Amino acid sequence: MAVMPMFPLGMVLLPGGILPLHVFEPRYRQMIIDCLQVDGHPEFGQALITHGAEAGGGDERAMAGTVAQMIQVEALDEERYALVTVGTRRIRVNAWLPDDPYPMADVDDWPDEEPDPDGLEIAVAAAHERVQAALAMAVELGDVPAEIVDSEVSTDPLAATYHLASLAPIGPADRYRLLTASGPAERLAVLDDVHDDVEAMLKFRLT
């Protein structure tokens, strides 16, 4: 178990995903300063806000999240930071601690179960085709930029399940279901289930 600074947001970062942030709240500015003073790669946890607003506190937060490693930090002025972070691994939240001065949680790393099941590469390839098809429709509707269709997906099948979950044109609740799947096989099964509704909606909007 470890105590980790946390950044709750109304979205879900997945391992391998990129998260740019514009930090302006005083508590999160202090969090960035504190993270940068720790030895090693500066990082914090990111978790979904399940109810409430991102700014000001008083929100309800999910019990799973992802470690966000800071790969670029720029002080825009004395009151703002621009960050680029990458999701490195998922975590399970054992308990949310008092915000003092920023959100903190007692967390454990949460590795995938059965990270290399039989047939994973074939299942990833099929999921990739389906995600690309959905993205193509989303591009046609103007929901996402065209270049996202050609986004690279890891050659490692386990990492690819997270990359596909990040690319899929879905909402935070469905992305959270993908984050909390027990392992890559279940993640792909959830993604397949989610895509049934997503494709139906996109096709309806295109008619």
C-alpha atoms as a PDB file:
ATOM      1  CA  MET A   1       0.000   0.000   0.000  1.00  0.00           C
ATOM      2  CA  ALA A   2       1.139   3.551  -0.697  1.00  0.00           C
ATOM      3  CA  VAL A   3      -0.236   7.045  -0.244  1.00  0.00           C
ATOM      4  CA  MET A   4      -0.416   8.855  -3.583  1.00  0.00           C
ATOM      5  CA  PRO A   5      -1.486  12.366  -4.617  1.00  0.00           C
ATOM      6  CA  MET A   6      -4.560  12.126  -6.825  1.00  0.00           C
ATOM      7  CA  PHE A   7      -6.129  14.214  -9.596  1.00  0.00           C
ATOM      8  CA  PRO A   8      -9.840  13.320  -9.922  1.00  0.00           C
ATOM      9  CA  LEU A   9     -11.356  14.289 -13.267  1.00  0.00           C
ATOM     10  CA  GLY A  10     -14.537  13.713 -15.231  1.00  0.00           C
ATOM     11  CA  MET A  11     -12.676  11.364 -17.579  1.00  0.00           C
ATOM     12  CA  VAL A  12     -10.677   8.139 -17.440  1.00  0.00           C
ATOM     13  CA  LEU A  13      -6.985   7.816 -18.244  1.00  0.00           C
ATOM     14  CA  LEU A  14      -5.942   4.297 -19.228  1.00  0.00           C
ATOM     15  CA  PRO A  15      -2.436   2.800 -19.164  1.00  0.00           C
ATOM     16  CA  GLY A  16      -0.670   3.906 -22.340  1.00  0.00           C
ATOM     17  CA  GLY A  17      -3.031   6.858 -22.813  1.00  0.00           C
ATOM     18  CA  ILE A  18      -1.882  10.478 -23.059  1.00  0.00           C
ATOM     19  CA  LEU A  19      -3.457  13.118 -20.824  1.00  0.00           C
ATOM     20  CA  PRO A  20      -2.640  16.823 -21.293  1.00  0.00           C
ATOM     21  CA  LEU A  21      -3.639  19.034 -18.365  1.00  0.00           C
ATOM     22  CA  HIS A  22      -3.967  22.757 -17.716  1.00  0.00           C
ATOM     23  CA  VAL A  23      -3.498  23.177 -13.972  1.00  0.00           C
ATOM     24  CA  PHE A  24      -4.745  26.387 -12.375  1.00  0.00           C
ATOM     25  CA  GLU A  25      -6.392  25.471  -9.036  1.00  0.00           C
ATOM     26  CA  PRO A  26      -4.025  26.383  -6.163  1.00  0.00           C
ATOM     27  CA  ARG A  27      -4.295  22.918  -4.561  1.00  0.00           C
ATOM     28  CA  TYR A  28      -3.268  21.161  -7.766  1.00  0.00           C
ATOM     29  CA  ARG A  29      -0.483  23.656  -8.425  1.00  0.00           C
ATOM     30  CA  GLN A  30       0.886  22.690  -5.025  1.00  0.00           C
ATOM     31  CA  MET A  31       0.478  19.008  -5.924  1.00  0.00           C
ATOM     32  CA  ILE A  32       2.588  19.482  -9.065  1.00  0.00           C
ATOM     33  CA  ILE A  33       5.288  21.284  -7.062  1.00  0.00           C
ATOM     34  CA  ASP A  34       5.347  18.486  -4.471  1.00  0.00           C
ATOM     35  CA  CYS A  35       5.464  15.742  -7.139  1.00  0.00           C
ATOM     36  CA  LEU A  36       8.406  17.423  -8.865  1.00  0.00           C
ATOM     37  CA  GLN A  37      10.389  17.375  -5.615  1.00  0.00           C
ATOM     38  CA  VAL A  38      10.169  13.576  -5.235  1.00  0.00           C
ATOM     39  CA  ASP A  39      13.060  11.455  -6.522  1.00  0.00           C
ATOM     40  CA  GLY A  40      12.422   9.501  -9.698  1.00  0.00           C
ATOM     41  CA  HIS A  41       9.741  10.102 -12.294  1.00  0.00           C
ATOM     42  CA  PRO A  42       7.136  12.613 -11.056  1.00  0.00           C
ATOM     43  CA  GLU A  43       3.694  10.992 -11.007  1.00  0.00           C
ATOM     44  CA  PHE A  44       0.255  11.110  -9.454  1.00  0.00           C
ATOM     45  CA  GLY A  45      -2.918   9.061  -9.605  1.00  0.00           C
ATOM     46  CA  GLN A  46      -5.875   9.949 -11.833  1.00  0.00           C
ATOM     47  CA  ALA A  47      -9.391   8.767 -10.998  1.00  0.00           C
ATOM     48  CA  LEU A  48     -12.874   9.337 -12.359  1.00  0.00           C
ATOM     49  CA  ILE A  49     -15.239  11.742 -10.626  1.00  0.00           C
ATOM     50  CA  THR A  50     -18.472   9.762 -10.403  1.00  0.00           C
ATOM     51  CA  HIS A  51     -20.566  12.651  -9.048  1.00  0.00           C
ATOM     52  CA  GLY A  52     -19.884  16.350  -8.650  1.00  0.00           C
ATOM     53  CA  ALA A  53     -17.665  18.934 -10.323  1.00  0.00           C
ATOM     54  CA  GLU A  54     -13.952  18.865 -11.107  1.00  0.00           C
ATOM     55  CA  ALA A  55     -13.237  22.222  -9.488  1.00  0.00           C
ATOM     56  CA  GLY A  56     -13.716  23.121  -5.850  1.00  0.00           C
ATOM     57  CA  GLY A  57     -13.860  19.691  -4.199  1.00  0.00           C
ATOM     58  CA  GLY A  58     -16.868  17.939  -2.650  1.00  0.00           C
ATOM     59  CA  ASP A  59     -16.961  15.361  -5.442  1.00  0.00           C
ATOM     60  CA  GLU A  60     -17.447  11.593  -5.300  1.00  0.00           C
ATOM     61  CA  ARG A  61     -14.592   9.530  -6.723  1.00  0.00           C
ATOM     62  CA  ALA A  62     -14.113   6.086  -8.203  1.00  0.00           C
ATOM     63  CA  MET A  63     -12.174   3.364  -6.405  1.00  0.00           C
ATOM     64  CA  ALA A  64      -9.858   2.584  -9.314  1.00  0.00           C
ATOM     65  CA  GLY A  65      -7.556   4.758 -11.351  1.00  0.00           C
ATOM     66  CA  THR A  66      -4.327   5.044 -13.289  1.00  0.00           C
ATOM     67  CA  VAL A  67      -0.901   6.389 -12.434  1.00  0.00           C
ATOM     68  CA  ALA A  68      -0.113   9.425 -14.602  1.00  0.00           C
ATOM     69  CA  GLN A  69       3.598  10.065 -15.150  1.00  0.00           C
ATOM     70  CA  MET A  70       4.547  13.635 -16.001  1.00  0.00           C
ATOM     71  CA  ILE A  71       6.577  13.686 -19.226  1.00  0.00           C
ATOM     72  CA  GLN A  72       6.366  17.437 -19.863  1.00  0.00           C
ATOM     73  CA  VAL A  73       5.853  20.278 -17.381  1.00  0.00           C
ATOM     74  CA  GLU A  74       5.731  23.954 -18.290  1.00  0.00           C
ATOM     75  CA  ALA A  75       5.038  26.863 -15.962  1.00  0.00           C
ATOM     76  CA  LEU A  76       2.898  29.215 -18.047  1.00  0.00           C
ATOM     77  CA  ASP A  77       3.029  31.888 -15.352  1.00  0.00           C
ATOM     78  CA  GLU A  78       2.898  32.032 -11.562  1.00  0.00           C
ATOM     79  CA  GLU A  79      -0.608  30.588 -11.478  1.00  0.00           C
ATOM     80  CA  ARG A  80      -0.747  27.971 -14.243  1.00  0.00           C
ATOM     81  CA  TYR A  81       1.031  24.817 -15.348  1.00  0.00           C
ATOM     82  CA  ALA A  82       0.707  22.976 -18.651  1.00  0.00           C
ATOM     83  CA  LEU A  83       1.352  19.243 -18.292  1.00  0.00           C
ATOM     84  CA  VAL A  84       1.554  16.263 -20.574  1.00  0.00           C
ATOM     85  CA  THR A  85       1.208  12.938 -18.773  1.00  0.00           C
ATOM     86  CA  VAL A  86       1.093   9.297 -19.814  1.00  0.00           C
ATOM     87  CA  GLY A  87      -0.787   6.508 -18.051  1.00  0.00           C
ATOM     88  CA  THR A  88       1.673   3.888 -16.804  1.00  0.00           C
ATOM     89  CA  ARG A  89      -0.264   1.377 -14.670  1.00  0.00           C
ATOM     90  CA  ARG A  90      -3.622   0.982 -13.007  1.00  0.00           C
ATOM     91  CA  ILE A  91      -4.236   1.242  -9.296  1.00  0.00           C
ATOM     92  CA  ARG A  92      -6.913   0.181  -6.850  1.00  0.00           C
ATOM     93  CA  VAL A  93      -7.979   2.780  -4.289  1.00  0.00           C
ATOM     94  CA  ASN A  94      -8.185   1.274  -0.802  1.00  0.00           C
ATOM     95  CA  ALA A  95      -9.335   4.532   0.786  1.00  0.00           C
ATOM     96  CA  TRP A  96      -9.638   8.203  -0.074  1.00  0.00           C
ATOM     97  CA  LEU A  97      -7.827  10.348   2.490  1.00  0.00           C
ATOM     98  CA  PRO A  98      -8.656  13.928   3.543  1.00  0.00           C
ATOM     99  CA  ASP A  99      -7.830  16.568   0.922  1.00  0.00           C
ATOM    100  CA  ASP A 100      -4.893  18.249   2.674  1.00  0.00           C
ATOM    101  CA  PRO A 101      -4.416  20.389   0.668  1.00  0.00           C
ATOM    102  CA  TYR A 102      -5.102  18.251  -2.412  1.00  0.00           C
ATOM    103  CA  PRO A 103      -6.721  14.818  -2.888  1.00  0.00           C
ATOM    104  CA  MET A 104      -4.745  11.856  -1.564  1.00  0.00           C
ATOM    105  CA  ALA A 105      -5.523   8.143  -1.536  1.00  0.00           C
ATOM    106  CA  ASP A 106      -4.161   4.902  -0.138  1.00  0.00           C
ATOM    107  CA  VAL A 107      -3.595   2.800  -3.268  1.00  0.00           C
ATOM    108  CA  ASP A 108      -2.202  -0.520  -4.478  1.00  0.00           C
ATOM    109  CA  ASP A 109      -0.935  -1.389  -7.928  1.00  0.00           C
ATOM    110  CA  TRP A 110      -3.535  -3.492  -9.766  1.00  0.00           C
ATOM    111  CA  PRO A 111      -1.922  -5.760 -12.357  1.00  0.00           C
ATOM    112  CA  ASP A 112      -4.024  -7.631 -14.905  1.00  0.00           C
ATOM    113  CA  GLU A 113      -5.051 -11.210 -14.250  1.00  0.00           C
ATOM    114  CA  GLU A 114      -4.028 -13.725 -16.932  1.00  0.00           C
ATOM    115  CA  PRO A 115      -2.046 -11.142 -18.938  1.00  0.00           C
ATOM    116  CA  ASP A 116      -1.361 -13.549 -21.838  1.00  0.00           C
ATOM    117  CA  PRO A 117      -4.408 -15.771 -22.494  1.00  0.00           C
ATOM    118  CA  ASP A 118      -4.569 -18.030 -25.544  1.00  0.00           C
ATOM    119  CA  GLY A 119      -5.714 -16.324 -28.726  1.00  0.00           C
ATOM    120  CA  LEU A 120      -5.124 -12.806 -27.432  1.00  0.00           C
ATOM    121  CA  GLU A 121      -3.337 -11.566 -30.573  1.00  0.00           C
ATOM    122  CA  ILE A 122      -6.211 -12.711 -32.816  1.00  0.00           C
ATOM    123  CA  ALA A 123      -8.781 -11.113 -30.512  1.00  0.00           C
ATOM    124  CA  VAL A 124      -6.791  -7.852 -30.461  1.00  0.00           C
ATOM    125  CA  ALA A 125      -6.666  -7.772 -34.266  1.00  0.00           C
ATOM    126  CA  ALA A 126     -10.439  -8.232 -34.489  1.00  0.00           C
ATOM    127  CA  ALA A 127     -11.018  -5.524 -31.868  1.00  0.00           C
ATOM    128  CA  HIS A 128      -8.669  -3.172 -33.723  1.00  0.00           C
ATOM    129  CA  GLU A 129     -10.714  -3.512 -36.925  1.00  0.00           C
ATOM    130  CA  ARG A 130     -13.910  -2.798 -35.038  1.00  0.00           C
ATOM    131  CA  VAL A 131     -12.467   0.257 -33.267  1.00  0.00           C
ATOM    132  CA  GLN A 132     -11.189   1.652 -36.570  1.00  0.00           C
ATOM    133  CA  ALA A 133     -14.602   1.176 -38.174  1.00  0.00           C
ATOM    134  CA  ALA A 134     -16.293   3.031 -35.315  1.00  0.00           C
ATOM    135  CA  LEU A 135     -13.686   5.797 -35.446  1.00  0.00           C
ATOM    136  CA  ALA A 136     -14.221   6.197 -39.191  1.00  0.00           C
ATOM    137  CA  MET A 137     -17.913   6.826 -38.570  1.00  0.00           C
ATOM    138  CA  ALA A 138     -17.097   9.210 -35.712  1.00  0.00           C
ATOM    139  CA  VAL A 139     -14.727  11.123 -38.016  1.00  0.00           C
ATOM    140  CA  GLU A 140     -17.466  11.395 -40.653  1.00  0.00           C
ATOM    141  CA  LEU A 141     -19.751  12.881 -38.003  1.00  0.00           C
ATOM    142  CA  GLY A 142     -17.053  15.314 -36.875  1.00  0.00           C
ATOM    143  CA  ASP A 143     -16.836  13.810 -33.379  1.00  0.00           C
ATOM    144  CA  VAL A 144     -13.090  13.082 -33.508  1.00  0.00           C
ATOM    145  CA  PRO A 145     -10.172  14.296 -35.679  1.00  0.00           C
ATOM    146  CA  ALA A 146      -9.374  12.234 -38.781  1.00  0.00           C
ATOM    147  CA  GLU A 147      -5.798  11.449 -37.709  1.00  0.00           C
ATOM    148  CA  ILE A 148      -7.003   9.389 -34.767  1.00  0.00           C
ATOM    149  CA  VAL A 149      -7.984   6.560 -37.132  1.00  0.00           C
ATOM    150  CA  ASP A 150      -4.304   6.003 -37.949  1.00  0.00           C
ATOM    151  CA  SER A 151      -3.135   6.055 -34.316  1.00  0.00           C
ATOM    152  CA  GLU A 152      -0.519   3.434 -33.570  1.00  0.00           C
ATOM    153  CA  VAL A 153      -1.442   0.534 -31.316  1.00  0.00           C
ATOM    154  CA  SER A 154       1.181  -1.351 -29.344  1.00  0.00           C
ATOM    155  CA  THR A 155       2.522  -4.602 -30.753  1.00  0.00           C
ATOM    156  CA  ASP A 156       2.284  -6.014 -27.231  1.00  0.00           C
ATOM    157  CA  PRO A 157      -1.198  -7.600 -27.055  1.00  0.00           C
ATOM    158  CA  LEU A 158      -1.789  -6.686 -23.394  1.00  0.00           C
ATOM    159  CA  ALA A 159      -0.843  -3.029 -23.907  1.00  0.00           C
ATOM    160  CA  ALA A 160      -2.900  -3.029 -27.112  1.00  0.00           C
ATOM    161  CA  THR A 161      -6.083  -3.825 -25.180  1.00  0.00           C
ATOM    162  CA  TYR A 162      -5.597  -0.601 -23.217  1.00  0.00           C
ATOM    163  CA  HIS A 163      -4.677   1.393 -26.329  1.00  0.00           C
ATOM    164  CA  LEU A 164      -7.829   0.258 -28.122  1.00  0.00           C
ATOM    165  CA  ALA A 165      -9.907   1.101 -25.068  1.00  0.00           C
ATOM    166  CA  SER A 166      -8.377   4.602 -25.120  1.00  0.00           C
ATOM    167  CA  LEU A 167      -9.045   5.091 -28.840  1.00  0.00           C
ATOM    168  CA  ALA A 168     -12.628   3.845 -28.908  1.00  0.00           C
ATOM    169  CA  PRO A 169     -15.234   6.660 -29.296  1.00  0.00           C
ATOM    170  CA  ILE A 170     -16.948   5.962 -25.966  1.00  0.00           C
ATOM    171  CA  GLY A 171     -17.817   7.858 -22.792  1.00  0.00           C
ATOM    172  CA  PRO A 172     -16.095   7.847 -19.394  1.00  0.00           C
ATOM    173  CA  ALA A 173     -18.489   5.335 -17.798  1.00  0.00           C
ATOM    174  CA  ASP A 174     -17.723   2.737 -20.479  1.00  0.00           C
ATOM    175  CA  ARG A 175     -14.014   3.557 -20.341  1.00  0.00           C
ATOM    176  CA  TYR A 176     -14.115   2.969 -16.585  1.00  0.00           C
ATOM    177  CA  ARG A 177     -15.643  -0.466 -17.203  1.00  0.00           C
ATOM    178  CA  LEU A 178     -12.671  -1.210 -19.437  1.00  0.00           C
ATOM    179  CA  LEU A 179     -10.203   0.026 -16.816  1.00  0.00           C
ATOM    180  CA  THR A 180     -11.680  -2.256 -14.156  1.00  0.00           C
ATOM    181  CA  ALA A 181     -11.865  -5.412 -16.307  1.00  0.00           C
ATOM    182  CA  SER A 182      -9.970  -8.240 -14.626  1.00  0.00           C
ATOM    183  CA  GLY A 183      -7.629  -8.847 -17.549  1.00  0.00           C
ATOM    184  CA  PRO A 184      -7.141  -8.456 -21.308  1.00  0.00           C
ATOM    185  CA  ALA A 185      -9.659 -11.132 -22.320  1.00  0.00           C
ATOM    186  CA  GLU A 186     -12.420  -9.549 -20.238  1.00  0.00           C
ATOM    187  CA  ARG A 187     -11.384  -6.081 -21.435  1.00  0.00           C
ATOM    188  CA  LEU A 188     -11.845  -7.102 -25.062  1.00  0.00           C
ATOM    189  CA  ALA A 189     -15.188  -8.743 -24.237  1.00  0.00           C
ATOM    190  CA  VAL A 190     -16.385  -5.523 -22.574  1.00  0.00           C
ATOM    191  CA  LEU A 191     -15.105  -3.469 -25.517  1.00  0.00           C
ATOM    192  CA  ASP A 192     -17.000  -5.717 -27.927  1.00  0.00           C
ATOM    193  CA  ASP A 193     -20.177  -5.316 -25.881  1.00  0.00           C
ATOM    194  CA  VAL A 194     -19.783  -1.540 -25.679  1.00  0.00           C
ATOM    195  CA  HIS A 195     -19.235  -1.301 -29.426  1.00  0.00           C
ATOM    196  CA  ASP A 196     -22.612  -2.907 -30.144  1.00  0.00           C
ATOM    197  CA  ASP A 197     -24.332   0.198 -28.759  1.00  0.00           C
ATOM    198  CA  VAL A 198     -21.731   2.647 -30.097  1.00  0.00           C
ATOM    199  CA  GLU A 199     -21.958   1.344 -33.667  1.00  0.00           C
ATOM    200  CA  ALA A 200     -25.759   1.343 -33.577  1.00  0.00           C
ATOM    201  CA  MET A 201     -25.780   4.967 -32.398  1.00  0.00           C
ATOM    202  CA  LEU A 202     -23.203   6.109 -34.970  1.00  0.00           C
ATOM    203  CA  LYS A 203     -25.024   4.374 -37.825  1.00  0.00           C
ATOM    204  CA  PHE A 204     -28.312   5.950 -36.729  1.00  0.00           C
ATOM    205  CA  ARG A 205     -26.749   9.429 -36.736  1.00  0.00           C
ATOM    206  CA  LEU A 206     -25.298   8.835 -40.210  1.00  0.00           C
ATOM    207  CA  THR A 207     -28.673   7.925 -41.754  1.00  0.00           C
END
